[in-house]
């Protein structure tokens, strides 16, 4: 199954399959009916603080990914991520919609990588969660 990324302002196409909006707010200037969404999961959007921090300098992409993965450990985000994974398992095609300036360097790209197995899902507790948040380093086996 392929997962596409698309700007939420772009028109829907038959190749999109299940369209899922992963932004906290509905995009401005786009009619609600024009979005043709299967699901809207605002819980999967990064916090406003993290998004503003990243918008200040786009060179922070690797650190943004780690911090965003740590945010996905929250209870509501985990529930929304489970819903998204279930949808991905049943859909032949899925498109994640966001209104980010650079779709390929946005939280939607991190979600796509999670769903495709490129990245490991965040741990909900313990040392893996702390390591994902950047507070401690994971221990290497000796």
N, C-alpha and C. Protein backbone atom coordinates (compact mmCIF):
# COMPACT_ATOMS: atom_id res chain seq x y z
N UNK A 1 0.83 -1.18 0.00
CA UNK A 1 0.00 0.00 0.00
C UNK A 1 0.88 1.24 0.00
N UNK A 2 0.55 2.16 -0.85
CA UNK A 2 1.31 3.40 -0.93
C UNK A 2 0.61 4.48 -0.12
N UNK A 3 1.41 5.29 0.53
CA UNK A 3 0.89 6.42 1.28
C UNK A 3 1.45 7.68 0.65
N UNK A 4 0.55 8.52 0.18
CA UNK A 4 0.94 9.76 -0.47
C UNK A 4 0.82 10.92 0.50
N UNK A 5 1.56 11.97 0.22
CA UNK A 5 1.44 13.23 0.96
C UNK A 5 0.94 14.28 -0.01
N UNK A 6 0.07 15.14 0.48
CA UNK A 6 -0.51 16.15 -0.41
C UNK A 6 -0.85 17.39 0.38
N UNK A 7 -0.75 18.52 -0.28
CA UNK A 7 -1.17 19.78 0.32
C UNK A 7 -2.69 19.75 0.42
N UNK A 8 -3.21 20.13 1.55
CA UNK A 8 -4.65 20.08 1.79
C UNK A 8 -5.42 21.00 0.85
N UNK A 9 -4.75 22.00 0.30
CA UNK A 9 -5.42 22.93 -0.61
C UNK A 9 -5.57 22.37 -2.02
N UNK A 10 -4.84 21.29 -2.34
CA UNK A 10 -4.95 20.69 -3.66
C UNK A 10 -6.27 19.94 -3.78
N UNK A 11 -6.80 19.91 -4.99
CA UNK A 11 -8.07 19.23 -5.23
C UNK A 11 -7.91 17.72 -5.08
N UNK A 12 -8.99 17.08 -4.69
CA UNK A 12 -8.98 15.63 -4.55
C UNK A 12 -8.91 14.97 -5.92
N UNK A 13 -8.25 13.81 -5.96
CA UNK A 13 -8.17 13.05 -7.20
C UNK A 13 -8.48 11.59 -6.88
N UNK A 14 -8.87 10.80 -7.88
CA UNK A 14 -9.20 9.39 -7.64
C UNK A 14 -8.02 8.58 -7.10
N UNK A 15 -6.79 8.99 -7.41
CA UNK A 15 -5.60 8.27 -6.95
C UNK A 15 -5.33 8.46 -5.46
N UNK A 16 -6.01 9.42 -4.82
CA UNK A 16 -5.77 9.72 -3.40
C UNK A 16 -6.19 8.58 -2.48
N UNK A 17 -7.23 7.88 -2.83
CA UNK A 17 -7.73 6.84 -1.94
C UNK A 17 -8.34 7.47 -0.69
N UNK A 18 -8.05 6.89 0.47
CA UNK A 18 -8.55 7.43 1.75
C UNK A 18 -7.78 8.69 2.08
N UNK A 19 -8.48 9.81 2.17
CA UNK A 19 -7.85 11.10 2.46
C UNK A 19 -8.00 11.40 3.95
N UNK A 20 -6.86 11.63 4.62
CA UNK A 20 -6.85 11.88 6.06
C UNK A 20 -6.13 13.19 6.32
N UNK A 21 -6.82 14.12 6.96
CA UNK A 21 -6.22 15.40 7.35
C UNK A 21 -5.53 15.22 8.70
N UNK A 22 -4.25 15.58 8.78
CA UNK A 22 -3.49 15.38 10.01
C UNK A 22 -3.03 16.71 10.60
N UNK A 23 -3.74 17.79 10.30
CA UNK A 23 -3.45 19.11 10.87
C UNK A 23 -4.40 19.39 12.03
N UNK A 24 -3.97 20.28 12.89
CA UNK A 24 -4.79 20.63 14.05
C UNK A 24 -6.03 21.42 13.63
N UNK A 25 -5.86 22.25 12.60
CA UNK A 25 -6.98 23.07 12.12
C UNK A 25 -7.26 22.78 10.66
N UNK A 26 -8.49 23.01 10.27
CA UNK A 26 -8.87 22.88 8.87
C UNK A 26 -8.19 24.00 8.08
N UNK A 27 -7.69 23.71 6.88
CA UNK A 27 -6.98 24.74 6.12
C UNK A 27 -7.89 25.90 5.74
N UNK A 28 -7.32 27.08 5.80
CA UNK A 28 -8.08 28.28 5.45
C UNK A 28 -8.30 28.35 3.95
N UNK A 29 -9.43 28.88 3.58
CA UNK A 29 -9.72 29.10 2.17
C UNK A 29 -10.19 27.87 1.42
N UNK A 30 -10.36 26.75 2.13
CA UNK A 30 -10.82 25.53 1.49
C UNK A 30 -12.17 25.17 2.09
N UNK A 31 -13.17 25.03 1.24
CA UNK A 31 -14.50 24.67 1.72
C UNK A 31 -14.47 23.28 2.36
N UNK A 32 -15.27 23.10 3.37
CA UNK A 32 -15.33 21.81 4.08
C UNK A 32 -15.64 20.66 3.13
N UNK A 33 -16.56 20.89 2.22
CA UNK A 33 -16.95 19.84 1.26
C UNK A 33 -15.83 19.54 0.26
N UNK A 34 -15.00 20.53 -0.04
CA UNK A 34 -13.94 20.35 -1.03
C UNK A 34 -12.82 19.44 -0.51
N UNK A 35 -12.72 19.28 0.80
CA UNK A 35 -11.67 18.43 1.36
C UNK A 35 -11.92 16.95 1.09
N UNK A 36 -13.14 16.55 1.03
CA UNK A 36 -13.54 15.15 0.83
C UNK A 36 -12.67 14.20 1.67
N UNK A 37 -12.81 14.34 2.97
CA UNK A 37 -12.01 13.57 3.92
C UNK A 37 -12.67 12.26 4.31
N UNK A 38 -11.86 11.27 4.52
CA UNK A 38 -12.35 10.04 5.16
C UNK A 38 -12.29 10.22 6.68
N UNK A 39 -11.22 10.91 7.14
CA UNK A 39 -11.03 11.11 8.58
C UNK A 39 -10.20 12.37 8.80
N UNK A 40 -10.43 13.00 9.95
CA UNK A 40 -9.63 14.14 10.38
C UNK A 40 -9.08 13.77 11.75
N UNK A 41 -7.76 13.73 11.89
CA UNK A 41 -7.11 13.35 13.14
C UNK A 41 -6.23 14.50 13.63
N UNK A 42 -6.82 15.51 14.27
CA UNK A 42 -6.04 16.67 14.73
C UNK A 42 -5.07 16.30 15.86
N UNK A 43 -5.29 15.18 16.53
CA UNK A 43 -4.42 14.77 17.62
C UNK A 43 -3.03 14.40 17.12
N UNK A 44 -2.89 14.14 15.83
CA UNK A 44 -1.60 13.75 15.26
C UNK A 44 -0.75 14.95 14.84
N UNK A 45 -1.28 16.14 14.94
CA UNK A 45 -0.50 17.33 14.60
C UNK A 45 0.48 17.64 15.73
N UNK A 46 1.64 18.19 15.39
CA UNK A 46 2.58 18.56 16.45
C UNK A 46 2.02 19.71 17.27
N UNK A 47 2.54 19.87 18.48
CA UNK A 47 2.09 20.97 19.32
C UNK A 47 2.43 22.30 18.65
N UNK A 48 1.72 23.33 19.01
CA UNK A 48 1.97 24.64 18.42
C UNK A 48 3.38 25.12 18.74
N UNK A 49 3.84 24.82 19.96
CA UNK A 49 5.19 25.23 20.35
C UNK A 49 6.24 24.57 19.46
N UNK A 50 6.09 23.26 19.24
CA UNK A 50 7.04 22.54 18.41
C UNK A 50 6.98 23.03 16.97
N UNK A 51 5.80 23.27 16.45
CA UNK A 51 5.67 23.73 15.07
C UNK A 51 6.28 25.11 14.89
N UNK A 52 6.04 26.01 15.82
CA UNK A 52 6.63 27.36 15.73
C UNK A 52 8.15 27.28 15.82
N UNK A 53 8.66 26.44 16.72
CA UNK A 53 10.10 26.27 16.88
C UNK A 53 10.71 25.79 15.56
N UNK A 54 10.07 24.83 14.91
CA UNK A 54 10.59 24.30 13.65
C UNK A 54 10.47 25.34 12.53
N UNK A 55 9.40 26.10 12.51
CA UNK A 55 9.20 27.11 11.47
C UNK A 55 10.26 28.21 11.52
N UNK A 56 10.84 28.44 12.70
CA UNK A 56 11.88 29.47 12.83
C UNK A 56 13.13 29.10 12.05
N UNK A 57 13.45 27.81 11.99
CA UNK A 57 14.63 27.36 11.26
C UNK A 57 14.38 25.97 10.72
N UNK A 58 14.25 25.86 9.42
CA UNK A 58 13.98 24.57 8.78
C UNK A 58 15.18 23.63 8.81
N UNK A 59 16.33 24.13 9.27
CA UNK A 59 17.51 23.26 9.39
C UNK A 59 17.40 22.33 10.59
N UNK A 60 16.39 22.51 11.40
CA UNK A 60 16.18 21.68 12.60
C UNK A 60 15.41 20.40 12.30
N UNK A 61 15.33 20.00 11.06
CA UNK A 61 14.51 18.85 10.66
C UNK A 61 14.81 17.57 11.45
N UNK A 62 16.06 17.14 11.60
CA UNK A 62 16.31 15.90 12.36
C UNK A 62 15.84 15.99 13.82
N UNK A 63 16.08 17.13 14.44
CA UNK A 63 15.65 17.30 15.83
C UNK A 63 14.14 17.41 15.93
N UNK A 64 13.52 18.05 14.94
CA UNK A 64 12.05 18.13 14.90
C UNK A 64 11.44 16.73 14.86
N UNK A 65 12.01 15.86 14.02
CA UNK A 65 11.49 14.50 13.91
C UNK A 65 11.53 13.79 15.26
N UNK A 66 12.66 13.91 15.97
CA UNK A 66 12.77 13.25 17.27
C UNK A 66 11.78 13.82 18.28
N UNK A 67 11.65 15.13 18.31
CA UNK A 67 10.72 15.76 19.27
C UNK A 67 9.27 15.42 18.93
N UNK A 68 8.97 15.38 17.66
CA UNK A 68 7.61 15.03 17.24
C UNK A 68 7.30 13.58 17.60
N UNK A 69 8.26 12.69 17.41
CA UNK A 69 8.07 11.29 17.78
C UNK A 69 7.81 11.18 19.28
N UNK A 70 8.48 12.00 20.07
CA UNK A 70 8.26 11.99 21.52
C UNK A 70 6.84 12.47 21.84
N UNK A 71 6.34 13.45 21.08
CA UNK A 71 4.97 13.92 21.30
C UNK A 71 3.94 12.85 20.95
N UNK A 72 4.28 11.98 20.03
CA UNK A 72 3.36 10.92 19.64
C UNK A 72 3.19 9.85 20.73
N UNK A 73 3.91 10.00 21.82
CA UNK A 73 3.79 9.06 22.95
C UNK A 73 2.61 9.41 23.86
N UNK A 74 2.02 10.58 23.66
CA UNK A 74 0.87 10.98 24.48
C UNK A 74 -0.32 10.06 24.24
N UNK A 75 -1.20 9.99 25.24
CA UNK A 75 -2.33 9.06 25.19
C UNK A 75 -3.25 9.31 23.99
N UNK A 76 -3.63 10.56 23.76
CA UNK A 76 -4.53 10.87 22.64
C UNK A 76 -3.85 10.64 21.30
N UNK A 77 -2.56 10.96 21.22
CA UNK A 77 -1.83 10.75 19.98
C UNK A 77 -1.70 9.26 19.67
N UNK A 78 -1.47 8.45 20.70
CA UNK A 78 -1.35 7.00 20.49
C UNK A 78 -2.67 6.44 19.98
N UNK A 79 -3.79 6.89 20.54
CA UNK A 79 -5.10 6.43 20.08
C UNK A 79 -5.34 6.83 18.63
N UNK A 80 -4.99 8.06 18.28
CA UNK A 80 -5.17 8.52 16.91
C UNK A 80 -4.23 7.78 15.95
N UNK A 81 -3.02 7.51 16.41
CA UNK A 81 -2.07 6.75 15.58
C UNK A 81 -2.58 5.34 15.33
N UNK A 82 -3.20 4.73 16.33
CA UNK A 82 -3.78 3.40 16.16
C UNK A 82 -4.92 3.43 15.13
N UNK A 83 -5.73 4.49 15.16
CA UNK A 83 -6.80 4.64 14.17
C UNK A 83 -6.22 4.76 12.76
N UNK A 84 -5.17 5.56 12.65
CA UNK A 84 -4.54 5.76 11.35
C UNK A 84 -3.93 4.46 10.83
N UNK A 85 -3.29 3.70 11.69
CA UNK A 85 -2.72 2.42 11.29
C UNK A 85 -3.79 1.43 10.85
N UNK A 86 -4.93 1.43 11.55
CA UNK A 86 -6.03 0.54 11.17
C UNK A 86 -6.58 0.94 9.80
N UNK A 87 -6.70 2.24 9.56
CA UNK A 87 -7.18 2.70 8.25
C UNK A 87 -6.19 2.31 7.16
N UNK A 88 -4.91 2.46 7.43
CA UNK A 88 -3.88 2.13 6.45
C UNK A 88 -3.88 0.64 6.12
N UNK A 89 -4.19 -0.18 7.11
CA UNK A 89 -4.21 -1.63 6.90
C UNK A 89 -5.36 -2.05 5.98
N UNK A 90 -6.45 -1.28 5.99
CA UNK A 90 -7.63 -1.65 5.21
C UNK A 90 -7.75 -0.90 3.88
N UNK A 91 -6.96 0.15 3.71
CA UNK A 91 -7.07 0.96 2.49
C UNK A 91 -6.03 0.52 1.46
N UNK A 92 -6.41 0.53 0.21
CA UNK A 92 -5.46 0.22 -0.85
C UNK A 92 -4.52 1.40 -1.07
N UNK A 93 -5.04 2.59 -0.89
CA UNK A 93 -4.29 3.82 -1.10
C UNK A 93 -4.70 4.81 -0.02
N UNK A 94 -3.74 5.58 0.50
CA UNK A 94 -4.04 6.57 1.52
C UNK A 94 -3.24 7.83 1.22
N UNK A 95 -3.86 8.98 1.45
CA UNK A 95 -3.19 10.26 1.29
C UNK A 95 -3.31 11.04 2.57
N UNK A 96 -2.17 11.46 3.11
CA UNK A 96 -2.14 12.30 4.30
C UNK A 96 -2.11 13.75 3.85
N UNK A 97 -3.04 14.53 4.34
CA UNK A 97 -3.17 15.93 3.94
C UNK A 97 -2.66 16.85 5.03
N UNK A 98 -1.91 17.86 4.62
CA UNK A 98 -1.42 18.87 5.55
C UNK A 98 -1.33 20.19 4.81
N UNK A 99 -1.36 21.27 5.54
CA UNK A 99 -1.21 22.58 4.91
C UNK A 99 0.18 23.16 5.17
N UNK A 100 1.14 22.30 5.49
CA UNK A 100 2.52 22.73 5.71
C UNK A 100 3.13 23.28 4.43
N UNK A 101 4.09 24.19 4.57
CA UNK A 101 4.74 24.77 3.39
C UNK A 101 5.48 23.72 2.59
N UNK A 102 6.26 22.89 3.27
CA UNK A 102 7.04 21.84 2.63
C UNK A 102 6.48 20.50 3.10
N UNK A 103 5.68 19.88 2.28
CA UNK A 103 4.98 18.66 2.66
C UNK A 103 5.95 17.53 2.97
N UNK A 104 7.06 17.45 2.24
CA UNK A 104 8.03 16.37 2.45
C UNK A 104 8.85 16.55 3.72
N UNK A 105 8.86 17.74 4.28
CA UNK A 105 9.54 17.99 5.55
C UNK A 105 8.52 18.52 6.55
N UNK A 106 7.53 17.69 6.80
CA UNK A 106 6.46 18.04 7.74
C UNK A 106 6.14 16.82 8.60
N UNK A 107 5.26 17.03 9.55
CA UNK A 107 4.86 15.92 10.42
C UNK A 107 4.17 14.81 9.62
N UNK A 108 3.54 15.18 8.51
CA UNK A 108 2.88 14.17 7.68
C UNK A 108 3.91 13.19 7.10
N UNK A 109 5.10 13.68 6.77
CA UNK A 109 6.15 12.81 6.26
C UNK A 109 6.62 11.84 7.34
N UNK A 110 6.68 12.31 8.58
CA UNK A 110 7.07 11.44 9.69
C UNK A 110 6.01 10.36 9.89
N UNK A 111 4.74 10.74 9.80
CA UNK A 111 3.65 9.76 9.93
C UNK A 111 3.70 8.74 8.80
N UNK A 112 3.96 9.18 7.59
CA UNK A 112 4.08 8.25 6.47
C UNK A 112 5.21 7.25 6.71
N UNK A 113 6.35 7.74 7.18
CA UNK A 113 7.47 6.85 7.47
C UNK A 113 7.12 5.85 8.56
N UNK A 114 6.36 6.29 9.56
CA UNK A 114 5.91 5.37 10.61
C UNK A 114 5.02 4.27 10.04
N UNK A 115 4.08 4.67 9.21
CA UNK A 115 3.14 3.70 8.64
C UNK A 115 3.81 2.74 7.67
N UNK A 116 4.82 3.22 6.97
CA UNK A 116 5.52 2.36 6.02
C UNK A 116 6.62 1.53 6.67
N UNK A 117 6.83 1.74 7.97
CA UNK A 117 7.82 0.95 8.68
C UNK A 117 9.24 1.48 8.56
N UNK A 118 9.41 2.67 8.01
CA UNK A 118 10.75 3.25 7.90
C UNK A 118 11.24 3.67 9.28
N UNK A 119 10.35 4.20 10.09
CA UNK A 119 10.68 4.59 11.46
C UNK A 119 9.96 3.65 12.42
N UNK A 120 10.52 3.50 13.60
CA UNK A 120 9.88 2.69 14.62
C UNK A 120 8.84 3.54 15.34
N UNK A 121 7.71 2.94 15.72
CA UNK A 121 6.71 3.71 16.46
C UNK A 121 7.25 4.09 17.83
N UNK A 122 6.77 5.20 18.36
CA UNK A 122 7.26 5.64 19.66
C UNK A 122 6.83 4.69 20.77
N UNK A 123 7.68 4.53 21.76
CA UNK A 123 7.33 3.74 22.93
C UNK A 123 6.50 4.61 23.85
N UNK A 124 5.59 4.00 24.56
CA UNK A 124 4.69 4.79 25.40
C UNK A 124 5.30 5.12 26.75
N UNK A 125 6.31 4.38 27.18
CA UNK A 125 6.93 4.67 28.46
C UNK A 125 8.32 4.06 28.51
N UNK A 126 9.01 4.36 29.59
CA UNK A 126 10.30 3.75 29.83
C UNK A 126 11.44 4.43 29.12
N UNK A 127 12.60 3.74 29.06
CA UNK A 127 13.80 4.35 28.51
C UNK A 127 13.68 4.71 27.03
N UNK A 128 12.91 3.94 26.27
CA UNK A 128 12.76 4.26 24.85
C UNK A 128 12.08 5.61 24.67
N UNK A 129 11.11 5.91 25.51
CA UNK A 129 10.43 7.20 25.42
C UNK A 129 11.38 8.34 25.78
N UNK A 130 12.16 8.15 26.83
CA UNK A 130 13.11 9.18 27.23
C UNK A 130 14.16 9.39 26.16
N UNK A 131 14.61 8.32 25.53
CA UNK A 131 15.61 8.43 24.47
C UNK A 131 15.02 9.14 23.26
N UNK A 132 13.75 8.84 22.95
CA UNK A 132 13.11 9.49 21.81
C UNK A 132 12.95 10.99 22.04
N UNK A 133 12.76 11.38 23.29
CA UNK A 133 12.59 12.80 23.58
C UNK A 133 13.92 13.54 23.62
N UNK A 134 15.03 12.80 23.58
CA UNK A 134 16.34 13.43 23.57
C UNK A 134 16.87 13.74 24.96
N UNK A 135 16.14 13.33 26.02
CA UNK A 135 16.59 13.62 27.38
C UNK A 135 17.75 12.74 27.81
N UNK A 136 17.75 11.50 27.38
CA UNK A 136 18.86 10.60 27.70
C UNK A 136 19.25 9.83 26.46
N UNK A 137 20.42 9.27 26.49
CA UNK A 137 20.85 8.43 25.38
C UNK A 137 20.51 6.99 25.68
N UNK A 138 20.12 6.28 24.66
CA UNK A 138 19.86 4.86 24.82
C UNK A 138 21.20 4.16 25.01
N UNK A 139 21.23 3.18 25.88
CA UNK A 139 22.46 2.45 26.13
C UNK A 139 22.75 1.50 24.99
N UNK A 140 24.01 1.40 24.66
CA UNK A 140 24.44 0.44 23.65
C UNK A 140 24.83 -0.84 24.34
N UNK A 141 24.53 -1.98 23.72
CA UNK A 141 24.96 -3.24 24.32
C UNK A 141 26.47 -3.34 24.31
N UNK A 142 27.01 -3.94 25.36
CA UNK A 142 28.48 -4.08 25.47
C UNK A 142 28.96 -5.33 24.85
